[in-house]
Structures are given as structure tokens and as C-alpha cells.
């Protein structure tokens, strides 16, 4: 069994910083203000050859209201599912009532926990830890998470209390279908994630910008593994002022690149806005499988529904390969049908393509609609083969391929997508021109050919003089 270790404590005590140190990553957002982390974030860590799982949580202050109460609920849930808890406190601020209340809660839940006094860099460690002995905790560590001081010895001691795990299979999460849920703020991304999972896994609140980090969640449905990625909402650049929000947007764009399939969510009340189009353009450029999701469909009138469908059909003709679903994430209407489109998009994006089949499709497309003439010469497309997956890449060989018009390339993309029955994924085409092996080579003339050339030149000069 791989041990699960949760990091809990008051806001701004350095939990996310320690999470990044243990996982040797920058997965958790870190900033110098309280309340940045809101959802449970899981990370894979390793001590030598020994693996373990770390959970980063939001801060618990004891007087939470509104969204803070839901953040605290996520932290308490992490405590329940953890095998051990690292209870973090601030060595510079000393002991306070919230720390004492958290220690009491951990004891009531019979959870094995270790007290971690953070931020001891630049101060005397003995002085920083002296106040916290009143909590009566046997296991106490003094560390500086931002510099990594004392972190290795601490985690070694914590893991000594667990039996040696079975040989670890080096299996990453990439054997699952990675699905990123993206969209503008407050379109219902976290609500949809919770509905797909069947539990309150991420914080949902009626406030734009609730989700600040990309949360990767693994689960299994019908013997198929999925990794669901809840992302922060992306606003227009002119409306982004906080530095933290800029990092959140970067994490969202990275999640799109990590995903196999992207669920692009739109708000039926607001219609199709320019920011939706910008996000859609980024998804297409990234080449990921795409499913369009119109949320809050149950809250609009019938004439608004007809108008929304007309707008989608008119403005999204360039993404006609993506299937569109009209759902209500809050009530679950239509949510179950998303899996069919997700699986179809993933299968299409990762399908292995046969060279013979691709070449036959190319020959048929060229026969029905030949490429245009360039400088009086016909562009010749000879054969095609697969060049990659997710998205499918088709490499076409021929001559003068650098002069193929963009309109003809789009024509070929649609032909390949229709003939191969690819849904939910773009198709990329790459043209390659074969090199002429004799382009830079000159024949070496024999002595007889040289003499013949001289006689011909002399004959030409003689006829030229006669004409004059």
C-alpha cells in the first residue's frame, strides 16, 4: 500500500511550498497571501525508490464563512482519507488558538499526525519551536520549506512508520483518458466535475474565479480510467489584474496541452461570446479532441434555445467535427451523454492509421478534385502515411507541395476525416516534397562529347555570321 500524507494547517503557513518540495514540481500555486489553495490537490512523490502520495489542502482558520467554509470542508475530507497528517504551523507567528483547535480535531479523529514548524530560516529553531511543545505532540520537526531545509529528514522519519510497499509499478496517469474542463469564469466547470464524479470533490461557489489551480482527479467508470482536470476560468486579458490569476491562466493552458479531450463549456444565458471563441481557437491550435458543452440549458426559454443553436451552427462551422451537448450540470441533465463523445474523440485522436488506406483516400480525393496548376505545372500528390497521433497527423508526399493552397489543404482534411470516420478531433496534414537526386550534380563529359560540343558551337557561330 502506498501511504497518503495530507498537509493541513492555517492559511499561509507554507503547505503548497512544502507540497512542491516533496513532489519536486511546481504543480501547486504559491503566493504570499492567505487562501490561495482552495481544492484538494494530489501529487506523486518519492523518497529514493519508495513512493507516496501528498495532498495539498486549503487553510483552516476556524471562523470560515461562505467559500472559506467549503475550502475547510475539503481540508477536513483530506484528513479523513490520509494515512498520516503533517500539521503545519508558522514558526515566526508562534502558537495561536486555531492551531490548538486543529490539534484537538486531529486527536478526536484518532489521526496520526506530526507537527511541522515551518519558516525557521533566519531565526533560532529552538526559540521558534518552544511555544508548540505545549500541544503535547511527540513528533515535531522544524523546517524551512522554501529552501528545503529539514524536509528530507522529516519525510524519512514519517515514512518509517509505514510498512515497505510492494514493488511499485512505474505506471503514470497517462494510461487513462485525460479530460480537461475549460471555459470562462462561472460557467459551471467545477459543478460539472462534481457531477461527473458523483461527489463534492472540488469547491463550488457562486463567485467567478473560485477555482485557482488545475486539479487533476483520477477515477474509473465502466472499467475505463479517466483523469478529470478542473481548471481556472479564463477571462479577457484586459480584465486580468492579479498576478495569481495570470498563473492560473497559464495552468489552464498547460492543462489543455496535457489533455486528450477538452470539454469547452459555454453559458447558455450569455450565448457565444468572443472569449469562448478565443478559447476554442487555442484548443484547436493545441490539436486536442474537442467536445462543446452548453451549460445551464434548463434555465432559458425555447426561443433562446433556437437562437443559441443557430449561433453555434453559424459561427462554429470551422469546428464542425466537434459534437455539441446541451446540459444542466447542476441537475445532471444530459451529463451522462458526455462520455460517449469523450470516448469517441479519444479513439479518433489515438487511432492507428493504415498507409494503404490513407493513400487510397488521397487518390480518390485527387481524382474527384485535382490540385490547381502552378506556373503551368500540375501539383502531384503521390502517397500518404500516418505521422503521429493526438491529433492525427497525415504526411503527404509529392512534388511542388509547398505551393498547395490552404483551401485545398482544408478540402483534404475534411475528406480524410469523413472517410476515416474521425469525430471530435482535428486532422493535421503535412506536405513533403521529394528531393531531386540530380539537382546539384553535373554530368562529366567524355573527350568525344567535348569535341562534338566544340564542332556544334563552331557551326552555330558560322551560321550566325552568314546571317549578318
Protein backbone atom coordinates (compact mmCIF):
# COMPACT_ATOMS: atom_id res chain seq x y z
CA UNK A 1 0.00 0.00 0.00
CA UNK A 2 1.30 3.46 -0.90
CA UNK A 3 0.97 5.86 2.08
CA UNK A 4 -1.11 9.02 1.69
CA UNK A 5 0.10 12.12 3.56
CA UNK A 6 -2.07 15.23 3.95
CA UNK A 7 -0.70 18.73 4.59
CA UNK A 8 -3.05 20.74 6.84
CA UNK A 9 -2.81 23.93 8.82
CA UNK A 10 -3.83 27.57 8.95
CA UNK A 11 -3.76 29.71 5.80
CA UNK A 12 -0.35 30.87 4.56
CA UNK A 13 1.81 28.54 6.67
CA UNK A 14 3.59 27.10 3.60
CA UNK A 15 1.60 23.97 2.72
CA UNK A 16 1.81 24.49 -1.05
CA UNK A 17 5.51 25.30 -0.81
CA UNK A 18 6.14 22.02 1.04
CA UNK A 19 3.94 20.19 -1.49
CA UNK A 20 6.18 21.43 -4.32
CA UNK A 21 9.30 20.42 -2.38
CA UNK A 22 8.05 16.90 -1.74
CA UNK A 23 6.78 16.31 -5.28
CA UNK A 24 9.77 18.14 -6.83
CA UNK A 25 7.45 20.11 -9.05
CA UNK A 26 5.72 23.46 -9.40
CA UNK A 27 2.25 21.99 -9.58
CA UNK A 28 0.85 23.97 -6.65
CA UNK A 29 0.45 27.73 -6.95
CA UNK A 30 2.42 29.65 -4.33
CA UNK A 31 1.97 33.32 -3.40
CA UNK A 32 2.47 35.47 -0.32
CA UNK A 33 -1.16 35.78 0.72
CA UNK A 34 -3.67 33.59 2.52
CA UNK A 35 -6.39 31.47 0.91
CA UNK A 36 -4.69 30.77 -2.41
CA UNK A 37 -5.28 26.99 -2.31
CA UNK A 38 -8.98 26.06 -2.31
CA UNK A 39 -9.27 22.45 -3.53
CA UNK A 40 -7.54 19.23 -2.55
CA UNK A 41 -4.56 18.70 -4.83
CA UNK A 42 -2.85 15.31 -5.11
CA UNK A 43 0.75 14.74 -6.10
CA UNK A 44 3.03 11.74 -6.56
CA UNK A 45 6.25 11.88 -4.52
CA UNK A 46 9.16 9.54 -3.96
CA UNK A 47 11.84 9.01 -1.36
CA UNK A 48 14.54 7.04 -3.10
CA UNK A 49 12.64 4.10 -4.58
CA UNK A 50 9.75 4.45 -2.15
CA UNK A 51 6.60 6.17 -3.47
CA UNK A 52 3.96 8.06 -1.51
CA UNK A 53 1.08 10.46 -2.24
CA UNK A 54 0.88 14.03 -0.93
CA UNK A 55 -2.36 16.04 -0.57
CA UNK A 56 -2.21 19.84 -0.54
CA UNK A 57 -5.20 21.49 1.16
CA UNK A 58 -6.63 24.91 1.81
CA UNK A 59 -6.07 26.67 5.09
CA UNK A 60 -8.39 26.22 8.10
CA UNK A 61 -8.88 29.27 10.29
CA UNK A 62 -11.89 28.19 12.38
CA UNK A 63 -14.14 31.17 11.53
CA UNK A 64 -14.89 30.36 7.89
CA UNK A 65 -17.87 31.83 6.09
CA UNK A 66 -19.06 31.49 2.50
CA UNK A 67 -16.47 29.99 0.19
CA UNK A 68 -13.96 29.61 3.05
CA UNK A 69 -16.26 27.11 4.77
CA UNK A 70 -16.23 24.91 1.67
CA UNK A 71 -12.43 25.19 1.50
CA UNK A 72 -12.26 24.00 5.10
CA UNK A 73 -14.57 21.10 4.22
CA UNK A 74 -12.11 20.00 1.52
CA UNK A 75 -9.27 20.08 4.07
CA UNK A 76 -11.24 18.01 6.58
CA UNK A 77 -12.04 15.48 3.86
CA UNK A 78 -8.32 15.17 3.12
CA UNK A 79 -7.66 14.46 6.79
CA UNK A 80 -10.18 11.61 6.75
CA UNK A 81 -8.64 9.84 3.73
CA UNK A 82 -4.98 10.32 4.72
CA UNK A 83 -2.83 7.71 6.42
CA UNK A 84 -0.76 10.41 8.15
CA UNK A 85 -1.09 14.15 8.58
CA UNK A 86 1.61 16.80 8.56
CA UNK A 87 0.15 19.53 10.77
CA UNK A 88 1.94 22.71 9.68
CA UNK A 89 2.36 25.83 11.80
CA UNK A 90 4.18 29.13 11.35
CA UNK A 91 7.37 29.37 13.44
CA UNK A 92 7.52 33.14 13.06
CA UNK A 93 3.98 33.84 14.29
CA UNK A 94 4.03 31.32 17.12
CA UNK A 95 1.15 29.31 18.57
CA UNK A 96 -2.43 30.60 18.38
CA UNK A 97 -5.95 29.39 19.13
CA UNK A 98 -6.54 27.99 15.62
CA UNK A 99 -3.51 25.71 15.93
CA UNK A 100 -4.82 24.38 19.25
CA UNK A 101 -8.28 23.76 17.77
CA UNK A 102 -6.79 21.86 14.82
CA UNK A 103 -4.67 19.72 17.15
CA UNK A 104 -7.80 18.84 19.15
CA UNK A 105 -9.68 17.89 15.97
CA UNK A 106 -6.85 15.59 14.83
CA UNK A 107 -6.79 13.87 18.20
CA UNK A 108 -10.58 13.40 18.15
CA UNK A 109 -10.33 11.73 14.73
CA UNK A 110 -7.56 9.42 16.01
CA UNK A 111 -5.29 10.52 13.20
CA UNK A 112 -1.55 10.02 13.37
CA UNK A 113 -0.11 13.49 12.87
CA UNK A 114 3.28 15.15 13.01
CA UNK A 115 3.79 18.77 13.95
CA UNK A 116 5.82 20.69 11.35
CA UNK A 117 7.11 24.12 12.37
CA UNK A 118 7.80 25.98 9.13
CA UNK A 119 9.62 29.25 8.28
CA UNK A 120 12.55 28.83 10.67
CA UNK A 121 15.05 30.25 8.14
CA UNK A 122 16.87 33.21 9.64
CA UNK A 123 15.71 32.58 13.22
CA UNK A 124 16.72 30.27 16.06
CA UNK A 125 14.96 26.91 15.62
CA UNK A 126 14.81 26.19 19.36
CA UNK A 127 13.13 29.52 20.05
CA UNK A 128 10.69 29.05 17.14
CA UNK A 129 9.57 25.61 18.33
CA UNK A 130 9.42 26.29 22.07
CA UNK A 131 5.80 27.53 22.07
CA UNK A 132 4.50 24.49 20.22
CA UNK A 133 5.61 21.92 22.82
CA UNK A 134 2.52 22.90 24.79
CA UNK A 135 0.44 20.98 22.21
CA UNK A 136 1.90 17.75 23.61
CA UNK A 137 2.94 16.35 20.23
CA UNK A 138 5.68 13.74 20.38
CA UNK A 139 6.81 14.11 16.75
CA UNK A 140 7.92 17.68 15.98
CA UNK A 141 10.01 18.89 13.02
CA UNK A 142 11.50 22.30 12.34
CA UNK A 143 11.87 23.06 8.61
CA UNK A 144 12.21 25.83 6.05
CA UNK A 145 10.06 24.58 3.15
CA UNK A 146 11.03 27.39 0.78
CA UNK A 147 14.72 26.36 0.99
CA UNK A 148 14.21 22.61 1.55
CA UNK A 149 15.91 22.74 4.95
CA UNK A 150 15.00 19.74 7.11
CA UNK A 151 12.45 18.39 4.59
CA UNK A 152 14.30 15.18 3.67
CA UNK A 153 14.95 14.07 7.26
CA UNK A 154 11.34 14.86 8.16
CA UNK A 155 9.78 12.72 5.40
CA UNK A 156 12.21 9.87 6.14
CA UNK A 157 11.01 9.77 9.73
CA UNK A 158 7.34 9.99 8.71
CA UNK A 159 7.61 7.09 6.26
CA UNK A 160 9.40 4.86 8.81
CA UNK A 161 6.03 4.24 10.44
CA UNK A 162 4.64 2.52 7.33
CA UNK A 163 5.45 -0.99 6.09
CA UNK A 164 7.51 -1.41 2.97
CA UNK A 165 5.16 -1.25 -0.04
CA UNK A 166 5.01 -3.87 -2.74
CA UNK A 167 7.23 -3.32 -5.79
CA UNK A 168 5.98 -0.15 -7.39
CA UNK A 169 4.77 -0.30 -10.97
CA UNK A 170 6.09 2.68 -12.90
CA UNK A 171 2.68 3.45 -14.28
CA UNK A 172 1.93 7.06 -14.86
CA UNK A 173 -1.52 8.51 -15.10
CA UNK A 174 -1.16 8.59 -18.87
CA UNK A 175 -2.83 5.20 -19.37
CA UNK A 176 -6.10 7.00 -18.63
CA UNK A 177 -8.14 9.37 -20.80
CA UNK A 178 -7.25 12.89 -19.68
CA UNK A 179 -10.24 15.23 -19.92
CA UNK A 180 -9.80 18.99 -19.28
CA UNK A 181 -12.86 21.11 -18.43
CA UNK A 182 -12.21 24.69 -19.59
CA UNK A 183 -14.24 27.83 -20.07
CA UNK A 184 -14.81 31.35 -18.80
CA UNK A 185 -15.27 32.01 -15.07
CA UNK A 186 -18.57 30.94 -13.50
CA UNK A 187 -19.85 28.81 -16.40
CA UNK A 188 -20.15 25.74 -14.14
CA UNK A 189 -16.88 23.85 -14.65
CA UNK A 190 -16.48 22.72 -11.04
CA UNK A 191 -20.18 21.83 -10.83
CA UNK A 192 -19.78 19.60 -13.89
CA UNK A 193 -16.66 17.98 -12.39
CA UNK A 194 -18.53 17.14 -9.20
CA UNK A 195 -21.48 15.82 -11.21
CA UNK A 196 -19.22 13.55 -13.31
CA UNK A 197 -17.52 12.24 -10.16
CA UNK A 198 -20.71 11.88 -8.13
CA UNK A 199 -19.23 13.67 -5.10
CA UNK A 200 -18.34 17.17 -3.89
CA UNK A 201 -14.71 16.84 -4.92
CA UNK A 202 -13.95 20.49 -5.74
CA UNK A 203 -15.21 23.74 -4.26
CA UNK A 204 -18.32 25.17 -5.95
CA UNK A 205 -19.42 28.71 -5.10
CA UNK A 206 -21.46 31.40 -6.84
CA UNK A 207 -18.42 33.59 -7.38
CA UNK A 208 -16.26 33.93 -10.52
CA UNK A 209 -12.70 32.74 -10.00
CA UNK A 210 -13.45 30.14 -7.32
CA UNK A 211 -11.03 27.64 -8.86
CA UNK A 212 -7.48 28.98 -8.97
CA UNK A 213 -5.39 25.92 -9.80
CA UNK A 214 -5.72 22.99 -12.19
CA UNK A 215 -6.92 19.98 -10.19
CA UNK A 216 -6.15 16.50 -11.60
CA UNK A 217 -8.61 13.84 -10.42
CA UNK A 218 -8.30 10.13 -11.27
CA UNK A 219 -11.30 7.82 -11.32
CA UNK A 220 -12.71 4.83 -13.17
CA UNK A 221 -16.02 4.33 -14.96
CA UNK A 222 -17.17 1.17 -16.74
CA UNK A 223 -13.64 -0.28 -16.42
CA UNK A 224 -12.20 2.77 -18.22
CA UNK A 225 -9.74 5.03 -16.39
CA UNK A 226 -10.17 8.80 -16.63
CA UNK A 227 -8.21 11.78 -15.34
CA UNK A 228 -10.52 14.76 -14.97
CA UNK A 229 -8.86 18.20 -14.91
CA UNK A 230 -10.78 21.06 -13.32
CA UNK A 231 -9.28 24.37 -14.47
CA UNK A 232 -9.50 28.04 -13.58
CA UNK A 233 -11.73 30.26 -15.70
CA UNK A 234 -10.01 32.34 -18.39
CA UNK A 235 -11.07 35.97 -18.69
CA UNK A 236 -10.08 38.61 -21.21
CA UNK A 237 -6.54 39.85 -20.79
CA UNK A 238 -7.65 43.41 -20.01
CA UNK A 239 -9.66 42.13 -17.02
CA UNK A 240 -6.76 40.15 -15.50
CA UNK A 241 -5.02 42.24 -12.86
CA UNK A 242 -3.92 39.87 -10.09
CA UNK A 243 -0.63 38.03 -10.60
CA UNK A 244 -2.17 34.86 -9.17
CA UNK A 245 -4.86 34.92 -11.85
CA UNK A 246 -2.18 35.15 -14.54
CA UNK A 247 -0.56 31.99 -13.18
CA UNK A 248 -3.98 30.32 -13.03
CA UNK A 249 -4.50 31.03 -16.73
CA UNK A 250 -1.06 29.58 -17.52
CA UNK A 251 -2.02 26.42 -15.60
CA UNK A 252 -5.28 26.23 -17.60
CA UNK A 253 -3.46 26.47 -20.93
CA UNK A 254 -1.00 23.80 -19.76
CA UNK A 255 -3.94 21.56 -18.81
CA UNK A 256 -5.25 21.85 -22.37
CA UNK A 257 -1.88 20.70 -23.70
CA UNK A 258 -1.84 17.79 -21.21
CA UNK A 259 -5.34 16.60 -22.08
CA UNK A 260 -6.53 14.10 -24.67
CA UNK A 261 -10.01 15.65 -24.84
CA UNK A 262 -11.16 19.16 -23.90
CA UNK A 263 -14.69 19.93 -22.70
CA UNK A 264 -15.20 23.57 -23.68
CA UNK A 265 -18.05 24.93 -21.56
CA UNK A 266 -20.27 27.87 -22.52
CA UNK A 267 -23.07 29.65 -20.66
CA UNK A 268 -26.47 29.36 -22.37
CA UNK A 269 -27.64 32.56 -20.64
CA UNK A 270 -24.83 34.66 -22.12
CA UNK A 271 -24.61 32.96 -25.51
CA UNK A 272 -21.47 32.51 -27.57
CA UNK A 273 -19.10 35.37 -26.66
CA UNK A 274 -15.68 36.35 -28.03
CA UNK A 275 -13.78 34.81 -25.12
CA UNK A 276 -15.37 31.44 -25.94
CA UNK A 277 -14.07 31.83 -29.50
CA UNK A 278 -10.55 32.63 -28.22
CA UNK A 279 -10.53 29.54 -26.00
CA UNK A 280 -11.85 27.42 -28.87
CA UNK A 281 -9.04 28.71 -31.09
CA UNK A 282 -6.44 27.71 -28.50
CA UNK A 283 -7.94 24.20 -28.22
CA UNK A 284 -7.81 23.78 -32.00
CA UNK A 285 -4.21 25.05 -32.17
CA UNK A 286 -3.26 22.58 -29.45
CA UNK A 287 -4.82 19.84 -31.61
CA UNK A 288 -6.79 18.25 -28.80
CA UNK A 289 -10.03 16.31 -29.07
CA UNK A 290 -12.93 18.67 -28.54
CA UNK A 291 -16.45 18.43 -27.12
CA UNK A 292 -18.60 21.58 -26.90
CA UNK A 293 -20.77 21.83 -23.78
CA UNK A 294 -23.54 24.43 -23.40
CA UNK A 295 -24.41 24.59 -19.70
CA UNK A 296 -27.42 26.00 -17.83
CA UNK A 297 -29.65 24.85 -20.68
CA UNK A 298 -32.62 24.28 -18.36
CA UNK A 299 -32.81 27.95 -17.38
CA UNK A 300 -33.59 29.55 -20.76
CA UNK A 301 -36.74 29.86 -22.89
CA UNK A 302 -37.44 27.91 -26.08
CA UNK A 303 -36.82 30.90 -28.39
CA UNK A 304 -33.42 31.46 -26.70
CA UNK A 305 -32.56 27.80 -27.30
CA UNK A 306 -33.31 28.08 -31.01
CA UNK A 307 -31.25 31.26 -31.25
CA UNK A 308 -28.32 29.62 -29.42
CA UNK A 309 -28.36 26.60 -31.74
CA UNK A 310 -28.43 28.87 -34.80
CA UNK A 311 -25.49 30.91 -33.46
CA UNK A 312 -23.42 27.80 -32.82
CA UNK A 313 -24.11 26.44 -36.29
CA UNK A 314 -23.32 29.77 -37.95
CA UNK A 315 -20.17 30.76 -36.07
CA UNK A 316 -18.56 27.38 -35.44
CA UNK A 317 -18.51 25.96 -38.96
CA UNK A 318 -14.70 25.66 -38.73
CA UNK A 319 -15.14 23.27 -35.76
CA UNK A 320 -17.96 21.20 -37.23
CA UNK A 321 -16.13 18.00 -36.24
CA UNK A 322 -16.82 18.65 -32.52
CA UNK A 323 -20.04 17.30 -31.04
CA UNK A 324 -22.23 19.71 -29.05
CA UNK A 325 -24.11 18.82 -25.85
CA UNK A 326 -26.76 20.92 -24.09
CA UNK A 327 -26.71 20.11 -20.39
CA UNK A 328 -27.50 21.24 -16.88
CA UNK A 329 -24.51 20.45 -14.66
CA UNK A 330 -26.46 21.45 -11.54
CA UNK A 331 -29.32 18.98 -12.14
CA UNK A 332 -27.35 16.41 -14.16
CA UNK A 333 -29.46 16.70 -17.33
CA UNK A 334 -27.51 15.37 -20.33
CA UNK A 335 -24.27 14.92 -18.38
CA UNK A 336 -24.13 11.14 -18.84
CA UNK A 337 -24.10 11.50 -22.64
CA UNK A 338 -20.76 13.33 -22.49
CA UNK A 339 -18.86 10.08 -22.02
CA UNK A 340 -19.87 8.78 -25.45
CA UNK A 341 -18.43 11.87 -27.13
CA UNK A 342 -15.31 11.84 -24.91
CA UNK A 343 -14.55 8.22 -25.78
CA UNK A 344 -15.25 8.78 -29.48
CA UNK A 345 -12.95 11.82 -29.60
CA UNK A 346 -10.19 9.95 -27.76
CA UNK A 347 -10.49 6.89 -30.00
CA UNK A 348 -10.35 9.06 -33.12
CA UNK A 349 -7.37 11.08 -31.88
CA UNK A 350 -5.31 8.00 -30.97
CA UNK A 351 -6.34 5.61 -33.76
CA UNK A 352 -3.58 3.92 -35.76
CA UNK A 353 -3.96 4.77 -39.46
CA UNK A 354 -3.03 2.38 -42.28
CA UNK A 355 -0.76 3.66 -45.07
CA UNK A 356 -2.63 1.81 -47.84
CA UNK A 357 -5.97 3.19 -46.70
CA UNK A 358 -4.62 6.74 -46.49
CA UNK A 359 -3.09 6.52 -49.97
CA UNK A 360 -6.36 5.22 -51.45
CA UNK A 361 -8.29 8.08 -49.85
CA UNK A 362 -5.74 10.56 -51.23
CA UNK A 363 -6.01 9.10 -54.73
CA UNK A 364 -9.79 9.34 -54.62
CA UNK A 365 -9.70 12.93 -53.39
CA UNK A 366 -7.23 13.95 -56.12
CA UNK A 367 -9.30 12.16 -58.79
CA UNK A 368 -12.51 13.96 -57.73
CA UNK A 369 -10.86 17.35 -57.34
CA UNK A 370 -7.27 17.67 -58.68
CA UNK A 371 -4.86 20.25 -57.22
CA UNK A 372 -4.54 23.51 -59.16
CA UNK A 373 -1.84 24.32 -61.72
CA UNK A 374 1.21 26.25 -60.52
CA UNK A 375 3.30 28.02 -63.21
CA UNK A 376 1.72 25.75 -65.80
CA UNK A 377 2.64 22.60 -63.89
CA UNK A 378 0.24 20.33 -62.03
CA UNK A 379 0.89 19.65 -58.32
CA UNK A 380 1.28 15.89 -57.92
CA UNK A 381 0.38 14.20 -54.63
CA UNK A 382 1.68 10.64 -54.74
CA UNK A 383 1.08 8.84 -51.43
CA UNK A 384 0.21 9.41 -47.75
CA UNK A 385 1.11 7.81 -44.42
CA UNK A 386 0.49 8.43 -40.71
CA UNK A 387 2.89 10.78 -38.95
CA UNK A 388 1.52 10.99 -35.40
CA UNK A 389 -1.45 10.83 -33.04
CA UNK A 390 -3.46 13.20 -30.86
CA UNK A 391 -4.15 14.87 -33.21
CA UNK A 392 -3.89 12.51 -36.19
CA UNK A 393 -1.08 13.69 -38.46
CA UNK A 394 -1.14 12.63 -42.13
CA UNK A 395 2.04 13.13 -44.16
CA UNK A 396 1.54 13.52 -47.93
CA UNK A 397 4.44 13.19 -50.36
CA UNK A 398 4.56 14.71 -53.83
CA UNK A 399 6.12 17.49 -55.87
CA UNK A 400 5.57 21.25 -55.51
CA UNK A 401 3.79 20.53 -52.22
CA UNK A 402 4.99 23.84 -50.80
CA UNK A 403 2.58 25.57 -53.21
CA UNK A 404 -0.57 23.69 -52.20
CA UNK A 405 -3.25 26.33 -51.41
CA UNK A 406 -4.74 26.46 -47.90
CA UNK A 407 -8.22 25.87 -49.37
CA UNK A 408 -7.09 22.58 -50.93
CA UNK A 409 -5.48 21.52 -47.64
CA UNK A 410 -8.80 22.11 -45.83
CA UNK A 411 -10.52 20.07 -48.53
CA UNK A 412 -8.15 17.15 -47.89
CA UNK A 413 -8.63 17.41 -44.12
CA UNK A 414 -12.40 17.09 -44.49
CA UNK A 415 -12.06 14.19 -46.92
CA UNK A 416 -9.77 12.26 -44.57
CA UNK A 417 -11.98 13.00 -41.57
CA UNK A 418 -15.12 11.84 -43.38
CA UNK A 419 -13.62 8.71 -44.95
CA UNK A 420 -11.88 7.63 -41.74
CA UNK A 421 -14.98 8.49 -39.65
CA UNK A 422 -12.99 10.63 -37.22
CA UNK A 423 -15.16 12.61 -34.77
CA UNK A 424 -14.23 15.16 -32.18
CA UNK A 425 -10.62 15.62 -33.30
CA UNK A 426 -8.88 17.89 -35.81
CA UNK A 427 -6.74 16.37 -38.56
CA UNK A 428 -3.31 17.80 -39.35
CA UNK A 429 -1.75 17.44 -42.81
CA UNK A 430 1.94 17.85 -43.52
CA UNK A 431 3.26 18.05 -47.09
CA UNK A 432 6.71 16.87 -48.11
CA UNK A 433 8.41 17.29 -51.46
CA UNK A 434 10.84 14.61 -52.63
CA UNK A 435 14.33 15.88 -53.41
CA UNK A 436 15.73 15.65 -56.93
CA UNK A 437 18.89 13.49 -56.60
CA UNK A 438 20.41 15.11 -59.71
CA UNK A 439 19.63 18.73 -58.79
CA UNK A 440 23.21 19.69 -57.83
CA UNK A 441 25.07 17.17 -59.99
CA UNK A 442 26.54 17.83 -63.45
CA UNK A 443 27.47 15.08 -65.85
CA UNK A 444 31.18 14.82 -66.66
CA UNK A 445 31.58 14.87 -70.45
CA UNK A 446 33.83 12.41 -72.21
CA UNK A 447 36.53 13.58 -74.64
CA UNK A 448 34.37 12.64 -77.62
CA UNK A 449 31.41 14.64 -76.21
CA UNK A 450 33.66 17.67 -75.64
CA UNK A 451 34.88 17.60 -79.25
CA UNK A 452 31.34 17.22 -80.57
CA UNK A 453 30.21 20.20 -78.45
CA UNK A 454 33.04 22.33 -79.92
CA UNK A 455 32.07 21.42 -83.50
CA UNK A 456 28.44 22.30 -82.80
CA UNK A 457 29.39 25.67 -81.28
CA UNK A 458 31.64 26.45 -84.25
CA UNK A 459 28.82 25.55 -86.64
CA UNK A 460 26.39 27.84 -84.78
CA UNK A 461 28.86 30.78 -84.83
CA UNK A 462 29.48 30.26 -88.62
CA UNK A 463 25.72 30.35 -89.40
CA UNK A 464 25.29 33.46 -87.27
CA UNK A 465 27.97 35.34 -89.25
CA UNK A 466 26.37 34.39 -92.58
CA UNK A 467 23.01 35.79 -91.48
CA UNK A 468 24.62 39.08 -90.60
